[in-house]
């Protein structure tokens, strides 16, 4: 349901939340998050345009958080990259469904609504502080890290 680019944006934002106050180059971010370099630059630009990150060129340049990670939710990050689309009317365009959606579409919209609600209740800082499900773990051998999300039963 969420695109790879959204996953990459979340990895990047979590890394920079962990390293709050530190500026990292695009190359460092790509290596630490295991995001391809081309995607990293694209995502960094989108997050910067949305004022979630700030970028600085030059010798001591790089990217750092430009937002308060206690106030920015996962849903806000996702909306920058690829907003979740709610179903307001019949996706098939059937006129007989003009005033009411079929059960299938209502069910799908209900799931999207629940996902939005859940994602809007978790801040970037919440992810960092939680020890049960998500962590940005450092690989001691090569100095890279990846957001690892455990599947729950």
C-alpha atoms as a PDB file:
ATOM      1  CA  UNK A   1       0.000   0.000   0.000  1.00  0.00           C
ATOM      2  CA  UNK A   2       2.909   2.343   0.682  1.00  0.00           C
ATOM      3  CA  UNK A   3       5.425   2.965  -2.080  1.00  0.00           C
ATOM      4  CA  UNK A   4       9.124   2.216  -1.870  1.00  0.00           C
ATOM      5  CA  UNK A   5       9.782   5.968  -2.015  1.00  0.00           C
ATOM      6  CA  UNK A   6       7.607   6.453   1.087  1.00  0.00           C
ATOM      7  CA  UNK A   7       9.591   3.736   2.867  1.00  0.00           C
ATOM      8  CA  UNK A   8      12.818   5.486   1.882  1.00  0.00           C
ATOM      9  CA  UNK A   9      11.520   8.837   3.166  1.00  0.00           C
ATOM     10  CA  UNK A  10      10.620   7.267   6.498  1.00  0.00           C
ATOM     11  CA  UNK A  11      14.073   5.660   6.777  1.00  0.00           C
ATOM     12  CA  UNK A  12      15.721   9.009   6.074  1.00  0.00           C
ATOM     13  CA  UNK A  13      13.548  10.933   8.527  1.00  0.00           C
ATOM     14  CA  UNK A  14      14.128   8.348  11.270  1.00  0.00           C
ATOM     15  CA  UNK A  15      17.891   8.480  10.721  1.00  0.00           C
ATOM     16  CA  UNK A  16      17.946  12.277  10.889  1.00  0.00           C
ATOM     17  CA  UNK A  17      15.709  12.211  13.959  1.00  0.00           C
ATOM     18  CA  UNK A  18      18.214   9.911  15.651  1.00  0.00           C
ATOM     19  CA  UNK A  19      21.028  12.226  14.615  1.00  0.00           C
ATOM     20  CA  UNK A  20      19.140  15.413  15.539  1.00  0.00           C
ATOM     21  CA  UNK A  21      21.386  18.436  15.351  1.00  0.00           C
ATOM     22  CA  UNK A  22      23.797  16.665  13.013  1.00  0.00           C
ATOM     23  CA  UNK A  23      24.134  17.393   9.327  1.00  0.00           C
ATOM     24  CA  UNK A  24      24.736  14.426   7.009  1.00  0.00           C
ATOM     25  CA  UNK A  25      25.605  14.377   3.322  1.00  0.00           C
ATOM     26  CA  UNK A  26      23.362  12.627   0.818  1.00  0.00           C
ATOM     27  CA  UNK A  27      26.020   9.948   0.468  1.00  0.00           C
ATOM     28  CA  UNK A  28      26.150   9.345   4.222  1.00  0.00           C
ATOM     29  CA  UNK A  29      22.361   9.174   4.382  1.00  0.00           C
ATOM     30  CA  UNK A  30      22.194   6.742   1.466  1.00  0.00           C
ATOM     31  CA  UNK A  31      24.783   4.454   3.063  1.00  0.00           C
ATOM     32  CA  UNK A  32      23.190   4.588   6.513  1.00  0.00           C
ATOM     33  CA  UNK A  33      19.658   3.892   5.303  1.00  0.00           C
ATOM     34  CA  UNK A  34      20.490   1.477   2.475  1.00  0.00           C
ATOM     35  CA  UNK A  35      18.559   3.710   0.078  1.00  0.00           C
ATOM     36  CA  UNK A  36      19.945   3.927  -3.477  1.00  0.00           C
ATOM     37  CA  UNK A  37      21.860   7.183  -3.965  1.00  0.00           C
ATOM     38  CA  UNK A  38      19.586   8.431  -6.766  1.00  0.00           C
ATOM     39  CA  UNK A  39      16.488   7.889  -4.663  1.00  0.00           C
ATOM     40  CA  UNK A  40      18.143   9.488  -1.652  1.00  0.00           C
ATOM     41  CA  UNK A  41      18.720  12.753  -3.496  1.00  0.00           C
ATOM     42  CA  UNK A  42      15.167  12.748  -4.885  1.00  0.00           C
ATOM     43  CA  UNK A  43      13.627  12.106  -1.467  1.00  0.00           C
ATOM     44  CA  UNK A  44      15.867  14.655   0.275  1.00  0.00           C
ATOM     45  CA  UNK A  45      14.713  17.297  -2.225  1.00  0.00           C
ATOM     46  CA  UNK A  46      11.036  16.496  -1.594  1.00  0.00           C
ATOM     47  CA  UNK A  47      11.458  16.541   2.182  1.00  0.00           C
ATOM     48  CA  UNK A  48      13.396  19.814   1.967  1.00  0.00           C
ATOM     49  CA  UNK A  49      10.702  21.454  -0.185  1.00  0.00           C
ATOM     50  CA  UNK A  50       8.182  20.440   2.471  1.00  0.00           C
ATOM     51  CA  UNK A  51      10.423  22.151   5.084  1.00  0.00           C
ATOM     52  CA  UNK A  52      10.924  18.937   7.053  1.00  0.00           C
ATOM     53  CA  UNK A  53      14.655  19.043   6.260  1.00  0.00           C
ATOM     54  CA  UNK A  54      17.135  21.796   5.618  1.00  0.00           C
ATOM     55  CA  UNK A  55      20.019  21.408   3.252  1.00  0.00           C
ATOM     56  CA  UNK A  56      23.257  23.328   3.175  1.00  0.00           C
ATOM     57  CA  UNK A  57      25.748  23.298   0.334  1.00  0.00           C
ATOM     58  CA  UNK A  58      29.467  23.519   0.705  1.00  0.00           C
ATOM     59  CA  UNK A  59      32.285  22.018   2.655  1.00  0.00           C
ATOM     60  CA  UNK A  60      30.336  21.512   5.879  1.00  0.00           C
ATOM     61  CA  UNK A  61      27.076  20.995   4.038  1.00  0.00           C
ATOM     62  CA  UNK A  62      24.514  18.286   4.310  1.00  0.00           C
ATOM     63  CA  UNK A  63      20.973  17.684   5.454  1.00  0.00           C
ATOM     64  CA  UNK A  64      19.481  17.996   8.921  1.00  0.00           C
ATOM     65  CA  UNK A  65      16.031  18.099  10.458  1.00  0.00           C
ATOM     66  CA  UNK A  66      14.200  21.385  10.064  1.00  0.00           C
ATOM     67  CA  UNK A  67      11.175  20.249  12.041  1.00  0.00           C
ATOM     68  CA  UNK A  68      10.289  19.232  15.562  1.00  0.00           C
ATOM     69  CA  UNK A  69      10.314  15.401  15.533  1.00  0.00           C
ATOM     70  CA  UNK A  70       7.933  15.321  18.497  1.00  0.00           C
ATOM     71  CA  UNK A  71       5.302  17.090  16.397  1.00  0.00           C
ATOM     72  CA  UNK A  72       5.824  15.608  12.919  1.00  0.00           C
ATOM     73  CA  UNK A  73       3.888  12.385  12.410  1.00  0.00           C
ATOM     74  CA  UNK A  74       4.566   9.471  10.123  1.00  0.00           C
ATOM     75  CA  UNK A  75       1.453  10.449   8.160  1.00  0.00           C
ATOM     76  CA  UNK A  76       2.855  13.924   7.510  1.00  0.00           C
ATOM     77  CA  UNK A  77       6.040  12.432   6.065  1.00  0.00           C
ATOM     78  CA  UNK A  78       4.029  10.021   3.924  1.00  0.00           C
ATOM     79  CA  UNK A  79       1.818  12.832   2.597  1.00  0.00           C
ATOM     80  CA  UNK A  80       4.902  14.707   1.362  1.00  0.00           C
ATOM     81  CA  UNK A  81       5.861  11.779  -0.848  1.00  0.00           C
ATOM     82  CA  UNK A  82       2.640  10.014  -1.751  1.00  0.00           C
ATOM     83  CA  UNK A  83      -0.631  10.892   0.017  1.00  0.00           C
ATOM     84  CA  UNK A  84      -2.990   8.047   0.835  1.00  0.00           C
ATOM     85  CA  UNK A  85      -6.014   8.290  -1.417  1.00  0.00           C
ATOM     86  CA  UNK A  86      -9.408   7.997   0.207  1.00  0.00           C
ATOM     87  CA  UNK A  87     -12.373   6.658  -1.748  1.00  0.00           C
ATOM     88  CA  UNK A  88     -15.061   9.322  -1.941  1.00  0.00           C
ATOM     89  CA  UNK A  89     -17.121   7.876  -4.750  1.00  0.00           C
ATOM     90  CA  UNK A  90     -17.303   4.836  -6.967  1.00  0.00           C
ATOM     91  CA  UNK A  91     -13.866   4.271  -8.530  1.00  0.00           C
ATOM     92  CA  UNK A  92     -15.611   2.630 -11.477  1.00  0.00           C
ATOM     93  CA  UNK A  93     -17.567   5.811 -12.217  1.00  0.00           C
ATOM     94  CA  UNK A  94     -20.909   4.012 -12.200  1.00  0.00           C
ATOM     95  CA  UNK A  95     -23.772   6.458 -12.077  1.00  0.00           C
ATOM     96  CA  UNK A  96     -25.929   4.038 -10.081  1.00  0.00           C
ATOM     97  CA  UNK A  97     -23.304   4.314  -7.302  1.00  0.00           C
ATOM     98  CA  UNK A  98     -23.228   8.089  -7.472  1.00  0.00           C
ATOM     99  CA  UNK A  99     -24.770   8.651  -4.031  1.00  0.00           C
ATOM    100  CA  UNK A 100     -23.484   5.604  -2.196  1.00  0.00           C
ATOM    101  CA  UNK A 101     -20.445   3.403  -2.466  1.00  0.00           C
ATOM    102  CA  UNK A 102     -20.615  -0.334  -2.656  1.00  0.00           C
ATOM    103  CA  UNK A 103     -19.605  -2.354   0.400  1.00  0.00           C
ATOM    104  CA  UNK A 104     -16.187  -3.202  -1.069  1.00  0.00           C
ATOM    105  CA  UNK A 105     -15.272   0.452  -1.578  1.00  0.00           C
ATOM    106  CA  UNK A 106     -16.584   1.388   1.862  1.00  0.00           C
ATOM    107  CA  UNK A 107     -14.472  -1.348   3.441  1.00  0.00           C
ATOM    108  CA  UNK A 108     -11.336  -0.235   1.607  1.00  0.00           C
ATOM    109  CA  UNK A 109     -11.932   3.383   2.590  1.00  0.00           C
ATOM    110  CA  UNK A 110     -12.444   2.326   6.212  1.00  0.00           C
ATOM    111  CA  UNK A 111      -9.074   0.564   6.178  1.00  0.00           C
ATOM    112  CA  UNK A 112      -7.376   3.637   4.671  1.00  0.00           C
ATOM    113  CA  UNK A 113      -9.029   5.814   7.312  1.00  0.00           C
ATOM    114  CA  UNK A 114      -7.753   3.524  10.092  1.00  0.00           C
ATOM    115  CA  UNK A 115      -4.243   3.562   8.597  1.00  0.00           C
ATOM    116  CA  UNK A 116      -4.286   7.369   8.461  1.00  0.00           C
ATOM    117  CA  UNK A 117      -5.468   7.530  12.054  1.00  0.00           C
ATOM    118  CA  UNK A 118      -2.761   5.160  13.226  1.00  0.00           C
ATOM    119  CA  UNK A 119       0.027   6.916  11.317  1.00  0.00           C
ATOM    120  CA  UNK A 120      -1.097  10.343  12.513  1.00  0.00           C
ATOM    121  CA  UNK A 121      -0.806   9.239  16.135  1.00  0.00           C
ATOM    122  CA  UNK A 122       2.912   8.356  15.903  1.00  0.00           C
ATOM    123  CA  UNK A 123       5.589  11.036  15.751  1.00  0.00           C
ATOM    124  CA  UNK A 124       9.108  10.592  14.439  1.00  0.00           C
ATOM    125  CA  UNK A 125      10.346  10.850  18.021  1.00  0.00           C
ATOM    126  CA  UNK A 126       7.897   8.132  19.110  1.00  0.00           C
ATOM    127  CA  UNK A 127       9.538   5.751  16.627  1.00  0.00           C
ATOM    128  CA  UNK A 128      12.973   6.512  18.045  1.00  0.00           C
ATOM    129  CA  UNK A 129      11.818   6.056  21.625  1.00  0.00           C
ATOM    130  CA  UNK A 130       9.946   2.811  20.983  1.00  0.00           C
ATOM    131  CA  UNK A 131      11.890  -0.344  21.514  1.00  0.00           C
ATOM    132  CA  UNK A 132       9.211  -2.704  20.255  1.00  0.00           C
ATOM    133  CA  UNK A 133       9.008  -2.914  16.528  1.00  0.00           C
ATOM    134  CA  UNK A 134      11.157  -0.317  14.835  1.00  0.00           C
ATOM    135  CA  UNK A 135      14.761   0.582  15.281  1.00  0.00           C
ATOM    136  CA  UNK A 136      17.548   2.008  13.232  1.00  0.00           C
ATOM    137  CA  UNK A 137      20.279  -0.472  14.058  1.00  0.00           C
ATOM    138  CA  UNK A 138      23.941   0.108  13.288  1.00  0.00           C
ATOM    139  CA  UNK A 139      25.748  -2.610  11.374  1.00  0.00           C
ATOM    140  CA  UNK A 140      29.125  -2.686  13.084  1.00  0.00           C
ATOM    141  CA  UNK A 141      30.874  -4.332  10.143  1.00  0.00           C
ATOM    142  CA  UNK A 142      30.244  -1.742   7.455  1.00  0.00           C
ATOM    143  CA  UNK A 143      28.886   1.286   9.299  1.00  0.00           C
ATOM    144  CA  UNK A 144      25.494   1.225   7.605  1.00  0.00           C
ATOM    145  CA  UNK A 145      22.067   1.070   9.149  1.00  0.00           C
ATOM    146  CA  UNK A 146      18.610   0.136   7.946  1.00  0.00           C
ATOM    147  CA  UNK A 147      15.160   0.665   9.351  1.00  0.00           C
ATOM    148  CA  UNK A 148      14.028  -2.760  10.392  1.00  0.00           C
ATOM    149  CA  UNK A 149      10.344  -3.189  11.108  1.00  0.00           C
ATOM    150  CA  UNK A 150       9.334  -6.425  12.799  1.00  0.00           C
ATOM    151  CA  UNK A 151       6.167  -8.095  11.602  1.00  0.00           C
ATOM    152  CA  UNK A 152       3.547  -8.447  14.305  1.00  0.00           C
ATOM    153  CA  UNK A 153       1.181 -11.351  14.597  1.00  0.00           C
END
